[in-house]
């Protein structure tokens, strides 16, 4: 779980770097977080 969180944080940071805009940052991060959680859940279901 910890490794997953690290990977997730990395992707969030990458998304923020790509956007490089402070105003839509929260919205973009929230969207990335939701997408990441969905894909992580799907991965966990597929593995478990």
N, C-alpha and C. Protein backbone atom coordinates (compact mmCIF):
# COMPACT_ATOMS: atom_id res chain seq x y z
N UNK A 1 0.84 -1.20 0.00
CA UNK A 1 0.00 0.00 0.00
C UNK A 1 0.88 1.25 0.00
N UNK A 2 1.97 1.20 0.75
CA UNK A 2 2.84 2.38 0.84
C UNK A 2 3.48 2.69 -0.50
N UNK A 3 3.92 1.63 -1.20
CA UNK A 3 4.53 1.82 -2.53
C UNK A 3 3.51 2.42 -3.48
N UNK A 4 2.27 1.96 -3.39
CA UNK A 4 1.20 2.50 -4.23
C UNK A 4 1.03 3.98 -3.96
N UNK A 5 1.04 4.36 -2.68
CA UNK A 5 0.85 5.77 -2.31
C UNK A 5 1.99 6.61 -2.88
N UNK A 6 3.21 6.09 -2.80
CA UNK A 6 4.36 6.82 -3.34
C UNK A 6 4.19 7.04 -4.84
N UNK A 7 3.77 5.98 -5.54
CA UNK A 7 3.58 6.07 -6.98
C UNK A 7 2.48 7.08 -7.29
N UNK A 8 1.43 7.06 -6.47
CA UNK A 8 0.31 7.98 -6.66
C UNK A 8 0.76 9.42 -6.47
N UNK A 9 1.53 9.66 -5.42
CA UNK A 9 2.04 11.02 -5.17
C UNK A 9 2.91 11.47 -6.35
N UNK A 10 3.71 10.58 -6.87
CA UNK A 10 4.57 10.90 -8.00
C UNK A 10 3.73 11.34 -9.19
N UNK A 11 2.66 10.60 -9.47
CA UNK A 11 1.80 10.94 -10.61
C UNK A 11 1.10 12.27 -10.37
N UNK A 12 0.71 12.54 -9.13
CA UNK A 12 0.05 13.81 -8.81
C UNK A 12 1.02 14.96 -9.04
N UNK A 13 2.26 14.77 -8.59
CA UNK A 13 3.28 15.81 -8.76
C UNK A 13 3.55 16.03 -10.25
N UNK A 14 3.63 14.94 -11.01
CA UNK A 14 3.86 15.05 -12.45
C UNK A 14 2.72 15.81 -13.11
N UNK A 15 1.48 15.51 -12.69
CA UNK A 15 0.31 16.20 -13.24
C UNK A 15 0.41 17.69 -12.94
N UNK A 16 0.79 18.01 -11.71
CA UNK A 16 0.90 19.41 -11.31
C UNK A 16 1.99 20.11 -12.13
N UNK A 17 3.11 19.42 -12.34
CA UNK A 17 4.21 19.99 -13.13
C UNK A 17 3.75 20.25 -14.57
N UNK A 18 3.01 19.29 -15.11
CA UNK A 18 2.54 19.42 -16.49
C UNK A 18 1.59 20.60 -16.62
N UNK A 19 0.70 20.74 -15.66
CA UNK A 19 -0.28 21.84 -15.70
C UNK A 19 0.44 23.17 -15.49
N UNK A 20 1.25 23.25 -14.42
CA UNK A 20 2.00 24.47 -14.10
C UNK A 20 1.09 25.69 -14.01
N UNK A 21 -0.15 25.47 -13.56
CA UNK A 21 -1.08 26.58 -13.37
C UNK A 21 -1.67 26.39 -11.98
N UNK A 22 -1.69 27.49 -11.20
CA UNK A 22 -2.13 27.36 -9.81
C UNK A 22 -3.64 27.37 -9.68
N UNK A 23 -4.35 28.03 -10.59
CA UNK A 23 -5.80 28.14 -10.45
C UNK A 23 -6.51 26.81 -10.68
N UNK A 24 -6.32 26.16 -11.85
CA UNK A 24 -7.00 24.88 -12.06
C UNK A 24 -6.27 23.71 -11.41
N UNK A 25 -5.24 24.02 -10.61
CA UNK A 25 -4.43 22.97 -10.00
C UNK A 25 -5.28 22.02 -9.16
N UNK A 26 -6.10 22.60 -8.26
CA UNK A 26 -6.90 21.77 -7.37
C UNK A 26 -7.85 20.87 -8.15
N UNK A 27 -8.51 21.46 -9.16
CA UNK A 27 -9.45 20.68 -9.95
C UNK A 27 -8.72 19.56 -10.69
N UNK A 28 -7.57 19.89 -11.28
CA UNK A 28 -6.80 18.90 -12.03
C UNK A 28 -6.29 17.80 -11.11
N UNK A 29 -5.83 18.20 -9.92
CA UNK A 29 -5.32 17.22 -8.97
C UNK A 29 -6.43 16.31 -8.50
N UNK A 30 -7.61 16.90 -8.27
CA UNK A 30 -8.74 16.09 -7.83
C UNK A 30 -9.11 15.09 -8.92
N UNK A 31 -9.11 15.54 -10.18
CA UNK A 31 -9.42 14.65 -11.29
C UNK A 31 -8.40 13.54 -11.41
N UNK A 32 -7.12 13.91 -11.29
CA UNK A 32 -6.05 12.91 -11.38
C UNK A 32 -6.16 11.92 -10.23
N UNK A 33 -6.48 12.43 -9.04
CA UNK A 33 -6.61 11.58 -7.86
C UNK A 33 -7.74 10.58 -8.07
N UNK A 34 -8.88 11.05 -8.58
CA UNK A 34 -10.03 10.17 -8.80
C UNK A 34 -9.68 9.10 -9.84
N UNK A 35 -9.04 9.52 -10.93
CA UNK A 35 -8.66 8.58 -11.98
C UNK A 35 -7.66 7.56 -11.44
N UNK A 36 -6.70 8.05 -10.66
CA UNK A 36 -5.67 7.18 -10.11
C UNK A 36 -6.30 6.16 -9.15
N UNK A 37 -7.22 6.63 -8.32
CA UNK A 37 -7.88 5.73 -7.37
C UNK A 37 -8.67 4.67 -8.13
N UNK A 38 -9.34 5.07 -9.20
CA UNK A 38 -10.11 4.12 -10.00
C UNK A 38 -9.20 3.06 -10.60
N UNK A 39 -8.08 3.49 -11.18
CA UNK A 39 -7.16 2.55 -11.82
C UNK A 39 -6.50 1.66 -10.76
N UNK A 40 -6.17 2.23 -9.60
CA UNK A 40 -5.57 1.44 -8.52
C UNK A 40 -6.55 0.39 -8.03
N UNK A 41 -7.82 0.79 -7.89
CA UNK A 41 -8.85 -0.15 -7.43
C UNK A 41 -9.01 -1.27 -8.45
N UNK A 42 -9.01 -0.91 -9.72
CA UNK A 42 -9.14 -1.92 -10.77
C UNK A 42 -7.95 -2.87 -10.74
N UNK A 43 -6.75 -2.32 -10.55
CA UNK A 43 -5.54 -3.14 -10.48
C UNK A 43 -5.62 -4.09 -9.28
N UNK A 44 -6.03 -3.54 -8.13
CA UNK A 44 -6.12 -4.34 -6.92
C UNK A 44 -7.13 -5.48 -7.11
N UNK A 45 -8.26 -5.17 -7.75
CA UNK A 45 -9.27 -6.20 -7.99
C UNK A 45 -8.73 -7.27 -8.93
N UNK A 46 -7.98 -6.82 -9.94
CA UNK A 46 -7.44 -7.78 -10.90
C UNK A 46 -6.40 -8.69 -10.27
N UNK A 47 -5.60 -8.14 -9.37
CA UNK A 47 -4.53 -8.92 -8.73
C UNK A 47 -5.10 -9.80 -7.64
N UNK A 48 -5.91 -9.22 -6.75
CA UNK A 48 -6.43 -9.93 -5.58
C UNK A 48 -7.45 -10.98 -5.99
